[in-house]
Amino acid sequence: MTMAWKKALVIMGAMTVLVWGGCGGGGSNGNGSGNVNTPASYHVSGAVTLNGAGLDGVSIGTSGATVTTDSSGAYTIAGLSNGSYAVTPAKAGYFFSPASIPVTVQGGDLTGQNFTATPDSANVVASSFTSGDEGWRVVGDAQGTSTLPTYRATGGNPGGYLEAVDNADGITWYWVAPAQFLGDDSSSYGKSLEFDLRQSTTQSQYADHDIILVGGGITLTYDTLPHPQTTWTHYNIQLTESGWKNGTADATRADFQTVLAAVTSLTIRGEFVVGPDTGGLDNVRLFK
């Protein structure tokens, strides 16, 4: 076997020490293995389902990488280094819940990053904020004296989103749904209301009603704990009486159906902090 010899010259004061060592032929990292150290990489995986079955052909993207779900709806994005990513599904003709999932790769693989698809031909009232506020307003102590939210074209989940800044006047402020979410929503019973929220800080949190639904002379409230994070947090609220309150009493099925038959107001809490804060709203969907 041919040996390649290398010589290291170490000078210590006036004394010269010659150190001779052998290494295997072609070794490039000094350990004789011939291997070059490369940064560790990891993968993010999950599945997309439609009515409980896998949906193929869905593009799943992060910054710099895109894969497609297989026949079982599964996907794996490999070769990711440590860092934060937004995993976002896309396929013509479908909505996805959640619209995007923020993930952080930190020394290991991430599994179970799953999405549910809904055909956009389904009866869904949606605000994705692709080009403006779509009629949404704010009520309470936000945005100075204006009821108009601030539209941001980037930074949403993904794309555009709405933002409002708290006045810190001691009154909880809410997002106010536009007319298309109101009226006769009877067909929404047993389905869901979905939305994404984020807040500027998770310090000094306090409790209040998170969703207020009014109709037929009845006001129903719902608490969505846990509160949103500083990254986008997805909520899927079932539109049945379970978990809803009529005053201090548990809502009944009759209560809920009365409200849905003639909804006059839908508000979603935007403020969770004692003191000044900023809240964001994206991807509101009411299924009918």
C-alpha atoms as a PDB file:
ATOM      1  CA  MET A   1       0.000   0.000   0.000  1.00  0.00           C
ATOM      2  CA  THR A   2       1.382   3.422  -0.931  1.00  0.00           C
ATOM      3  CA  MET A   3       1.882   5.734   2.058  1.00  0.00           C
ATOM      4  CA  ALA A   4       1.830   9.501   1.812  1.00  0.00           C
ATOM      5  CA  TRP A   5       4.003  11.083   4.454  1.00  0.00           C
ATOM      6  CA  LYS A   6       3.558  14.513   5.800  1.00  0.00           C
ATOM      7  CA  LYS A   7       5.913  16.570   7.899  1.00  0.00           C
ATOM      8  CA  ALA A   8       4.876  19.098  10.530  1.00  0.00           C
ATOM      9  CA  LEU A   9       7.455  21.558  11.681  1.00  0.00           C
ATOM     10  CA  VAL A  10       6.993  22.797  15.217  1.00  0.00           C
ATOM     11  CA  ILE A  11       9.274  25.506  16.455  1.00  0.00           C
ATOM     12  CA  MET A  12       9.461  25.866  20.189  1.00  0.00           C
ATOM     13  CA  GLY A  13      11.946  28.521  21.235  1.00  0.00           C
ATOM     14  CA  ALA A  14      15.304  27.597  19.785  1.00  0.00           C
ATOM     15  CA  MET A  15      14.445  23.924  19.514  1.00  0.00           C
ATOM     16  CA  THR A  16      13.079  22.407  16.341  1.00  0.00           C
ATOM     17  CA  VAL A  17      10.981  19.264  16.683  1.00  0.00           C
ATOM     18  CA  LEU A  18      10.145  17.206  13.639  1.00  0.00           C
ATOM     19  CA  VAL A  19       6.944  15.205  13.893  1.00  0.00           C
ATOM     20  CA  TRP A  20       6.399  12.516  11.302  1.00  0.00           C
ATOM     21  CA  GLY A  21       3.040  10.864  10.746  1.00  0.00           C
ATOM     22  CA  GLY A  22       1.363   8.642   8.189  1.00  0.00           C
ATOM     23  CA  CYS A  23      -2.105   8.902   6.735  1.00  0.00           C
ATOM     24  CA  GLY A  24      -4.076   6.797   4.308  1.00  0.00           C
ATOM     25  CA  GLY A  25      -3.840   7.704   0.669  1.00  0.00           C
ATOM     26  CA  GLY A  26      -6.104  10.470  -0.449  1.00  0.00           C
ATOM     27  CA  GLY A  27      -7.250  11.456   3.066  1.00  0.00           C
ATOM     28  CA  SER A  28      -8.522  15.018   2.995  1.00  0.00           C
ATOM     29  CA  ASN A  29      -9.525  15.581   6.609  1.00  0.00           C
ATOM     30  CA  GLY A  30      -6.433  14.255   8.358  1.00  0.00           C
ATOM     31  CA  ASN A  31      -8.089  11.219   9.930  1.00  0.00           C
ATOM     32  CA  GLY A  32      -7.372   8.817   7.103  1.00  0.00           C
ATOM     33  CA  SER A  33     -11.034   8.302   6.296  1.00  0.00           C
ATOM     34  CA  GLY A  34     -11.221  10.474   3.210  1.00  0.00           C
ATOM     35  CA  ASN A  35     -14.478  12.048   4.494  1.00  0.00           C
ATOM     36  CA  VAL A  36     -15.149  15.774   4.336  1.00  0.00           C
ATOM     37  CA  ASN A  37     -17.177  17.156   7.243  1.00  0.00           C
ATOM     38  CA  THR A  38     -20.486  18.679   6.070  1.00  0.00           C
ATOM     39  CA  PRO A  39     -23.129  20.564   8.074  1.00  0.00           C
ATOM     40  CA  ALA A  40     -25.909  18.413   9.510  1.00  0.00           C
ATOM     41  CA  SER A  41     -29.262  18.549   7.729  1.00  0.00           C
ATOM     42  CA  TYR A  42     -32.737  17.531   8.778  1.00  0.00           C
ATOM     43  CA  HIS A  43     -36.190  16.994   7.324  1.00  0.00           C
ATOM     44  CA  VAL A  44     -39.751  18.220   7.884  1.00  0.00           C
ATOM     45  CA  SER A  45     -42.570  15.809   7.056  1.00  0.00           C
ATOM     46  CA  GLY A  46     -46.330  15.463   7.265  1.00  0.00           C
ATOM     47  CA  ALA A  47     -49.418  14.820   5.188  1.00  0.00           C
ATOM     48  CA  VAL A  48     -52.301  16.569   3.447  1.00  0.00           C
ATOM     49  CA  THR A  49     -55.772  15.058   3.700  1.00  0.00           C
ATOM     50  CA  LEU A  50     -59.109  15.695   2.002  1.00  0.00           C
ATOM     51  CA  ASN A  51     -62.135  14.229   3.780  1.00  0.00           C
ATOM     52  CA  GLY A  52     -59.810  11.962   5.739  1.00  0.00           C
ATOM     53  CA  ALA A  53     -57.959  10.582   2.693  1.00  0.00           C
ATOM     54  CA  GLY A  54     -54.528  11.597   1.410  1.00  0.00           C
ATOM     55  CA  LEU A  55     -54.428  14.258  -1.312  1.00  0.00           C
ATOM     56  CA  ASP A  56     -51.664  13.912  -3.880  1.00  0.00           C
ATOM     57  CA  GLY A  57     -50.129  16.581  -6.077  1.00  0.00           C
ATOM     58  CA  VAL A  58     -50.029  19.293  -3.419  1.00  0.00           C
ATOM     59  CA  SER A  59     -46.951  21.506  -3.588  1.00  0.00           C
ATOM     60  CA  ILE A  60     -45.380  21.942  -0.159  1.00  0.00           C
ATOM     61  CA  GLY A  61     -42.869  24.746  -0.020  1.00  0.00           C
ATOM     62  CA  THR A  62     -40.411  26.404   2.318  1.00  0.00           C
ATOM     63  CA  SER A  63     -37.920  29.122   1.515  1.00  0.00           C
ATOM     64  CA  GLY A  64     -35.697  27.472  -1.059  1.00  0.00           C
ATOM     65  CA  ALA A  65     -37.310  24.017  -1.279  1.00  0.00           C
ATOM     66  CA  THR A  66     -40.549  22.633  -2.736  1.00  0.00           C
ATOM     67  CA  VAL A  67     -41.812  19.047  -2.835  1.00  0.00           C
ATOM     68  CA  THR A  68     -45.077  17.404  -3.894  1.00  0.00           C
ATOM     69  CA  THR A  69     -47.290  15.082  -1.860  1.00  0.00           C
ATOM     70  CA  ASP A  70     -47.407  11.452  -2.988  1.00  0.00           C
ATOM     71  CA  SER A  71     -50.450   9.253  -3.593  1.00  0.00           C
ATOM     72  CA  SER A  72     -51.031   8.915   0.165  1.00  0.00           C
ATOM     73  CA  GLY A  73     -50.807  12.677   0.709  1.00  0.00           C
ATOM     74  CA  ALA A  74     -47.446  12.402   2.465  1.00  0.00           C
ATOM     75  CA  TYR A  75     -44.487  14.731   1.952  1.00  0.00           C
ATOM     76  CA  THR A  76     -40.924  15.118   3.198  1.00  0.00           C
ATOM     77  CA  ILE A  77     -38.756  18.197   2.772  1.00  0.00           C
ATOM     78  CA  ALA A  78     -35.160  17.083   3.257  1.00  0.00           C
ATOM     79  CA  GLY A  79     -31.811  18.848   3.495  1.00  0.00           C
ATOM     80  CA  LEU A  80     -32.892  21.600   5.885  1.00  0.00           C
ATOM     81  CA  SER A  81     -30.338  23.191   8.177  1.00  0.00           C
ATOM     82  CA  ASN A  82     -31.155  24.646  11.583  1.00  0.00           C
ATOM     83  CA  GLY A  83     -33.405  27.671  11.300  1.00  0.00           C
ATOM     84  CA  SER A  84     -36.981  28.920  11.010  1.00  0.00           C
ATOM     85  CA  TYR A  85     -39.206  28.110   8.033  1.00  0.00           C
ATOM     86  CA  ALA A  86     -42.810  28.558   6.892  1.00  0.00           C
ATOM     87  CA  VAL A  87     -44.238  25.332   5.437  1.00  0.00           C
ATOM     88  CA  THR A  88     -46.958  26.273   2.940  1.00  0.00           C
ATOM     89  CA  PRO A  89     -49.224  24.032   0.817  1.00  0.00           C
ATOM     90  CA  ALA A  90     -50.646  24.996  -2.578  1.00  0.00           C
ATOM     91  CA  LYS A  91     -52.855  23.292  -5.146  1.00  0.00           C
ATOM     92  CA  ALA A  92     -55.245  24.936  -7.569  1.00  0.00           C
ATOM     93  CA  GLY A  93     -58.858  24.543  -6.493  1.00  0.00           C
ATOM     94  CA  TYR A  94     -58.231  24.034  -2.765  1.00  0.00           C
ATOM     95  CA  PHE A  95     -58.059  25.900   0.529  1.00  0.00           C
ATOM     96  CA  PHE A  96     -55.734  24.523   3.211  1.00  0.00           C
ATOM     97  CA  SER A  97     -56.022  24.554   6.956  1.00  0.00           C
ATOM     98  CA  PRO A  98     -53.822  25.885   8.361  1.00  0.00           C
ATOM     99  CA  ALA A  99     -52.736  28.041   5.421  1.00  0.00           C
ATOM    100  CA  SER A 100     -49.120  27.760   6.558  1.00  0.00           C
ATOM    101  CA  ILE A 101     -47.197  26.273   9.502  1.00  0.00           C
ATOM    102  CA  PRO A 102     -44.180  28.081  11.010  1.00  0.00           C
ATOM    103  CA  VAL A 103     -41.543  25.579  12.118  1.00  0.00           C
ATOM    104  CA  THR A 104     -38.120  25.799  13.727  1.00  0.00           C
ATOM    105  CA  VAL A 105     -35.517  23.145  12.921  1.00  0.00           C
ATOM    106  CA  GLN A 106     -33.126  22.812  15.827  1.00  0.00           C
ATOM    107  CA  GLY A 107     -30.913  19.753  15.779  1.00  0.00           C
ATOM    108  CA  GLY A 108     -33.541  17.228  14.726  1.00  0.00           C
ATOM    109  CA  ASP A 109     -36.269  16.186  12.278  1.00  0.00           C
ATOM    110  CA  LEU A 110     -39.846  17.491  12.550  1.00  0.00           C
ATOM    111  CA  THR A 111     -42.785  15.188  11.791  1.00  0.00           C
ATOM    112  CA  GLY A 112     -46.558  15.549  11.885  1.00  0.00           C
ATOM    113  CA  GLN A 113     -46.760  18.904  10.103  1.00  0.00           C
ATOM    114  CA  ASN A 114     -50.197  18.183   8.650  1.00  0.00           C
ATOM    115  CA  PHE A 115     -52.756  20.083   6.582  1.00  0.00           C
ATOM    116  CA  THR A 116     -56.430  19.598   5.737  1.00  0.00           C
ATOM    117  CA  ALA A 117     -57.666  20.495   2.257  1.00  0.00           C
ATOM    118  CA  THR A 118     -61.086  21.855   1.313  1.00  0.00           C
ATOM    119  CA  PRO A 119     -62.231  22.345  -2.294  1.00  0.00           C
ATOM    120  CA  ASP A 120     -62.703  26.030  -3.000  1.00  0.00           C
ATOM    121  CA  SER A 121     -65.995  25.087  -4.638  1.00  0.00           C
ATOM    122  CA  ALA A 122     -67.269  24.322  -1.126  1.00  0.00           C
ATOM    123  CA  ASN A 123     -69.447  26.925   0.539  1.00  0.00           C
ATOM    124  CA  VAL A 124     -66.794  28.922   2.377  1.00  0.00           C
ATOM    125  CA  VAL A 125     -66.785  32.604   3.256  1.00  0.00           C
ATOM    126  CA  ALA A 126     -63.136  33.611   3.369  1.00  0.00           C
ATOM    127  CA  SER A 127     -60.860  36.589   3.915  1.00  0.00           C
ATOM    128  CA  SER A 128     -57.248  35.947   2.908  1.00  0.00           C
ATOM    129  CA  PHE A 129     -56.232  39.628   2.684  1.00  0.00           C
ATOM    130  CA  THR A 130     -54.414  39.297  -0.620  1.00  0.00           C
ATOM    131  CA  SER A 131     -54.995  42.923  -1.605  1.00  0.00           C
ATOM    132  CA  GLY A 132     -56.681  44.863   1.211  1.00  0.00           C
ATOM    133  CA  ASP A 133     -58.692  44.781   4.443  1.00  0.00           C
ATOM    134  CA  GLU A 134     -61.738  43.182   2.724  1.00  0.00           C
ATOM    135  CA  GLY A 135     -64.122  45.189   4.894  1.00  0.00           C
ATOM    136  CA  TRP A 136     -62.743  44.127   8.283  1.00  0.00           C
ATOM    137  CA  ARG A 137     -62.682  46.781  11.004  1.00  0.00           C
ATOM    138  CA  VAL A 138     -61.512  47.163  14.605  1.00  0.00           C
ATOM    139  CA  VAL A 139     -63.528  48.204  17.653  1.00  0.00           C
ATOM    140  CA  GLY A 140     -62.186  49.175  21.075  1.00  0.00           C
ATOM    141  CA  ASP A 141     -58.946  50.904  22.026  1.00  0.00           C
ATOM    142  CA  ALA A 142     -56.873  50.431  18.872  1.00  0.00           C
ATOM    143  CA  GLN A 143     -55.721  52.458  15.875  1.00  0.00           C
ATOM    144  CA  GLY A 144     -56.124  55.804  17.630  1.00  0.00           C
ATOM    145  CA  THR A 145     -59.591  57.080  16.785  1.00  0.00           C
ATOM    146  CA  SER A 146     -59.909  55.087  13.534  1.00  0.00           C
ATOM    147  CA  THR A 147     -61.811  51.849  12.979  1.00  0.00           C
ATOM    148  CA  LEU A 148     -59.638  50.985   9.986  1.00  0.00           C
ATOM    149  CA  PRO A 149     -56.947  48.306  10.455  1.00  0.00           C
ATOM    150  CA  THR A 150     -53.557  48.594   8.782  1.00  0.00           C
ATOM    151  CA  TYR A 151     -53.115  46.394   5.727  1.00  0.00           C
ATOM    152  CA  ARG A 152     -49.707  44.754   5.309  1.00  0.00           C
ATOM    153  CA  ALA A 153     -48.957  43.220   1.907  1.00  0.00           C
ATOM    154  CA  THR A 154     -46.282  40.880   3.271  1.00  0.00           C
ATOM    155  CA  GLY A 155     -45.597  39.077   6.523  1.00  0.00           C
ATOM    156  CA  GLY A 156     -48.904  37.179   6.685  1.00  0.00           C
ATOM    157  CA  ASN A 157     -49.456  33.432   6.747  1.00  0.00           C
ATOM    158  CA  PRO A 158     -48.534  33.777   3.901  1.00  0.00           C
ATOM    159  CA  GLY A 159     -48.948  37.031   1.929  1.00  0.00           C
ATOM    160  CA  GLY A 160     -50.997  39.945   3.198  1.00  0.00           C
ATOM    161  CA  TYR A 161     -52.592  40.375   6.620  1.00  0.00           C
ATOM    162  CA  LEU A 162     -54.226  42.954   8.904  1.00  0.00           C
ATOM    163  CA  GLU A 163     -52.546  44.683  11.822  1.00  0.00           C
ATOM    164  CA  ALA A 164     -53.795  46.959  14.603  1.00  0.00           C
ATOM    165  CA  VAL A 165     -51.961  48.805  17.364  1.00  0.00           C
ATOM    166  CA  ASP A 166     -53.394  49.030  20.878  1.00  0.00           C
ATOM    167  CA  ASN A 167     -54.055  52.472  22.377  1.00  0.00           C
ATOM    168  CA  ALA A 168     -53.517  51.007  25.888  1.00  0.00           C
ATOM    169  CA  ASP A 169     -56.679  52.717  27.192  1.00  0.00           C
ATOM    170  CA  GLY A 170     -57.739  49.695  29.223  1.00  0.00           C
ATOM    171  CA  ILE A 171     -60.425  48.434  26.829  1.00  0.00           C
ATOM    172  CA  THR A 172     -60.114  45.166  24.911  1.00  0.00           C
ATOM    173  CA  TRP A 173     -60.143  45.660  21.153  1.00  0.00           C
ATOM    174  CA  TYR A 174     -61.595  43.250  18.594  1.00  0.00           C
ATOM    175  CA  TRP A 175     -61.555  42.473  14.882  1.00  0.00           C
ATOM    176  CA  VAL A 176     -65.018  43.116  13.390  1.00  0.00           C
ATOM    177  CA  ALA A 177     -66.208  40.821  10.567  1.00  0.00           C
ATOM    178  CA  PRO A 178     -67.726  42.384   7.427  1.00  0.00           C
ATOM    179  CA  ALA A 179     -71.227  41.763   6.074  1.00  0.00           C
ATOM    180  CA  GLN A 180     -70.392  38.600   4.101  1.00  0.00           C
ATOM    181  CA  PHE A 181     -69.835  36.741   7.389  1.00  0.00           C
ATOM    182  CA  LEU A 182     -73.203  37.835   8.785  1.00  0.00           C
ATOM    183  CA  GLY A 183     -76.860  37.088   8.096  1.00  0.00           C
ATOM    184  CA  ASP A 184     -78.265  33.573   7.815  1.00  0.00           C
ATOM    185  CA  ASP A 185     -75.409  31.247   8.757  1.00  0.00           C
ATOM    186  CA  SER A 186     -77.673  28.347   9.734  1.00  0.00           C
ATOM    187  CA  SER A 187     -75.786  25.972   7.450  1.00  0.00           C
ATOM    188  CA  SER A 188     -72.603  26.631   9.466  1.00  0.00           C
ATOM    189  CA  TYR A 189     -73.940  24.673  12.441  1.00  0.00           C
ATOM    190  CA  GLY A 190     -71.607  21.728  13.069  1.00  0.00           C
ATOM    191  CA  LYS A 191     -68.930  23.189  10.814  1.00  0.00           C
ATOM    192  CA  SER A 192     -66.116  25.569  11.757  1.00  0.00           C
ATOM    193  CA  LEU A 193     -64.765  29.089  11.963  1.00  0.00           C
ATOM    194  CA  GLU A 194     -61.014  29.305  11.316  1.00  0.00           C
ATOM    195  CA  PHE A 195     -58.521  32.140  11.578  1.00  0.00           C
ATOM    196  CA  ASP A 196     -54.863  32.922  12.273  1.00  0.00           C
ATOM    197  CA  LEU A 197     -53.736  35.355  14.969  1.00  0.00           C
ATOM    198  CA  ARG A 198     -50.448  36.664  16.284  1.00  0.00           C
ATOM    199  CA  GLN A 199     -49.450  39.217  18.901  1.00  0.00           C
ATOM    200  CA  SER A 200     -46.325  41.281  19.454  1.00  0.00           C
ATOM    201  CA  THR A 201     -45.575  39.860  22.915  1.00  0.00           C
ATOM    202  CA  THR A 202     -46.795  37.094  25.200  1.00  0.00           C
ATOM    203  CA  GLN A 203     -45.977  38.980  28.393  1.00  0.00           C
ATOM    204  CA  SER A 204     -48.650  40.241  30.851  1.00  0.00           C
ATOM    205  CA  GLN A 205     -51.545  38.277  29.350  1.00  0.00           C
ATOM    206  CA  TYR A 206     -55.105  38.638  30.625  1.00  0.00           C
ATOM    207  CA  ALA A 207     -58.433  36.853  30.157  1.00  0.00           C
ATOM    208  CA  ASP A 208     -61.462  38.078  28.216  1.00  0.00           C
ATOM    209  CA  HIS A 209     -63.954  36.733  25.675  1.00  0.00           C
ATOM    210  CA  ASP A 210     -62.071  35.696  22.531  1.00  0.00           C
ATOM    211  CA  ILE A 211     -65.009  35.370  20.106  1.00  0.00           C
ATOM    212  CA  ILE A 212     -68.338  37.171  20.404  1.00  0.00           C
ATOM    213  CA  LEU A 213     -71.208  36.002  18.183  1.00  0.00           C
ATOM    214  CA  VAL A 214     -74.488  37.936  18.235  1.00  0.00           C
ATOM    215  CA  GLY A 215     -77.821  37.169  16.606  1.00  0.00           C
ATOM    216  CA  GLY A 216     -81.532  36.672  17.324  1.00  0.00           C
ATOM    217  CA  GLY A 217     -81.272  38.695  20.529  1.00  0.00           C
ATOM    218  CA  ILE A 218     -78.611  36.332  21.970  1.00  0.00           C
ATOM    219  CA  THR A 219     -74.916  36.980  22.594  1.00  0.00           C
ATOM    220  CA  LEU A 220     -72.630  33.927  22.689  1.00  0.00           C
ATOM    221  CA  THR A 221     -68.985  34.006  23.764  1.00  0.00           C
ATOM    222  CA  TYR A 222     -66.079  31.595  23.397  1.00  0.00           C
ATOM    223  CA  ASP A 223     -62.597  31.438  24.919  1.00  0.00           C
ATOM    224  CA  THR A 224     -59.885  30.090  22.600  1.00  0.00           C
ATOM    225  CA  LEU A 225     -57.059  29.343  25.076  1.00  0.00           C
ATOM    226  CA  PRO A 226     -54.154  29.183  24.601  1.00  0.00           C
ATOM    227  CA  HIS A 227     -53.522  32.761  23.475  1.00  0.00           C
ATOM    228  CA  PRO A 228     -51.708  33.376  20.173  1.00  0.00           C
ATOM    229  CA  GLN A 229     -47.934  33.392  19.984  1.00  0.00           C
ATOM    230  CA  THR A 230     -45.660  36.000  18.414  1.00  0.00           C
ATOM    231  CA  THR A 231     -45.696  33.763  15.325  1.00  0.00           C
ATOM    232  CA  TRP A 232     -48.916  32.942  13.474  1.00  0.00           C
ATOM    233  CA  THR A 233     -51.224  30.726  15.524  1.00  0.00           C
ATOM    234  CA  HIS A 234     -54.066  28.833  13.851  1.00  0.00           C
ATOM    235  CA  TYR A 235     -57.515  28.432  15.437  1.00  0.00           C
ATOM    236  CA  ASN A 236     -60.275  26.041  14.358  1.00  0.00           C
ATOM    237  CA  ILE A 237     -63.476  26.736  16.314  1.00  0.00           C
ATOM    238  CA  GLN A 238     -66.331  24.265  16.054  1.00  0.00           C
ATOM    239  CA  LEU A 239     -69.698  25.916  15.503  1.00  0.00           C
ATOM    240  CA  THR A 240     -71.721  23.881  17.961  1.00  0.00           C
ATOM    241  CA  GLU A 241     -72.828  24.791  21.458  1.00  0.00           C
ATOM    242  CA  SER A 242     -69.911  22.931  23.067  1.00  0.00           C
ATOM    243  CA  GLY A 243     -67.613  25.382  24.833  1.00  0.00           C
ATOM    244  CA  TRP A 244     -69.774  28.443  24.089  1.00  0.00           C
ATOM    245  CA  LYS A 245     -71.436  30.551  26.778  1.00  0.00           C
ATOM    246  CA  ASN A 246     -74.733  32.435  26.880  1.00  0.00           C
ATOM    247  CA  GLY A 247     -73.911  34.858  29.655  1.00  0.00           C
ATOM    248  CA  THR A 248     -72.572  32.668  32.462  1.00  0.00           C
ATOM    249  CA  ALA A 249     -74.595  29.623  31.375  1.00  0.00           C
ATOM    250  CA  ASP A 250     -73.523  26.981  28.897  1.00  0.00           C
ATOM    251  CA  ALA A 251     -75.026  27.655  25.468  1.00  0.00           C
ATOM    252  CA  THR A 252     -77.685  25.237  24.276  1.00  0.00           C
ATOM    253  CA  ARG A 253     -78.228  23.898  20.788  1.00  0.00           C
ATOM    254  CA  ALA A 254     -81.320  26.082  20.529  1.00  0.00           C
ATOM    255  CA  ASP A 255     -79.250  29.143  21.524  1.00  0.00           C
ATOM    256  CA  PHE A 256     -76.649  28.425  18.886  1.00  0.00           C
ATOM    257  CA  GLN A 257     -79.102  27.765  16.091  1.00  0.00           C
ATOM    258  CA  THR A 258     -81.032  30.935  16.952  1.00  0.00           C
ATOM    259  CA  VAL A 259     -77.857  33.010  16.696  1.00  0.00           C
ATOM    260  CA  LEU A 260     -76.702  31.393  13.436  1.00  0.00           C
ATOM    261  CA  ALA A 261     -80.078  31.994  11.812  1.00  0.00           C
ATOM    262  CA  ALA A 262     -79.554  35.762  11.954  1.00  0.00           C
ATOM    263  CA  VAL A 263     -75.982  36.756  12.807  1.00  0.00           C
ATOM    264  CA  THR A 264     -75.651  40.506  13.318  1.00  0.00           C
ATOM    265  CA  SER A 265     -72.090  40.645  14.689  1.00  0.00           C
ATOM    266  CA  LEU A 266     -68.959  38.479  14.729  1.00  0.00           C
ATOM    267  CA  THR A 267     -65.917  39.819  16.549  1.00  0.00           C
ATOM    268  CA  ILE A 268     -62.555  38.170  17.223  1.00  0.00           C
ATOM    269  CA  ARG A 269     -60.305  39.354  20.020  1.00  0.00           C
ATOM    270  CA  GLY A 270     -57.138  41.117  18.908  1.00  0.00           C
ATOM    271  CA  GLU A 271     -55.630  42.208  22.233  1.00  0.00           C
ATOM    272  CA  PHE A 272     -54.262  39.936  24.956  1.00  0.00           C
ATOM    273  CA  VAL A 273     -51.711  42.113  26.776  1.00  0.00           C
ATOM    274  CA  VAL A 274     -52.042  44.447  29.739  1.00  0.00           C
ATOM    275  CA  GLY A 275     -50.399  47.477  28.174  1.00  0.00           C
ATOM    276  CA  PRO A 276     -49.515  48.419  24.591  1.00  0.00           C
ATOM    277  CA  ASP A 277     -49.317  45.700  21.953  1.00  0.00           C
ATOM    278  CA  THR A 278     -49.865  44.971  18.272  1.00  0.00           C
ATOM    279  CA  GLY A 279     -52.128  42.238  16.894  1.00  0.00           C
ATOM    280  CA  GLY A 280     -52.386  40.531  13.512  1.00  0.00           C
ATOM    281  CA  LEU A 281     -55.224  38.680  11.699  1.00  0.00           C
ATOM    282  CA  ASP A 282     -55.095  36.409   8.646  1.00  0.00           C
ATOM    283  CA  ASN A 283     -56.964  33.594   6.857  1.00  0.00           C
ATOM    284  CA  VAL A 284     -60.482  33.899   8.261  1.00  0.00           C
ATOM    285  CA  ARG A 285     -62.830  31.170   6.984  1.00  0.00           C
ATOM    286  CA  LEU A 286     -66.448  30.437   7.840  1.00  0.00           C
ATOM    287  CA  PHE A 287     -67.584  27.068   6.526  1.00  0.00           C
ATOM    288  CA  LYS A 288     -71.230  26.627   5.561  1.00  0.00           C
END
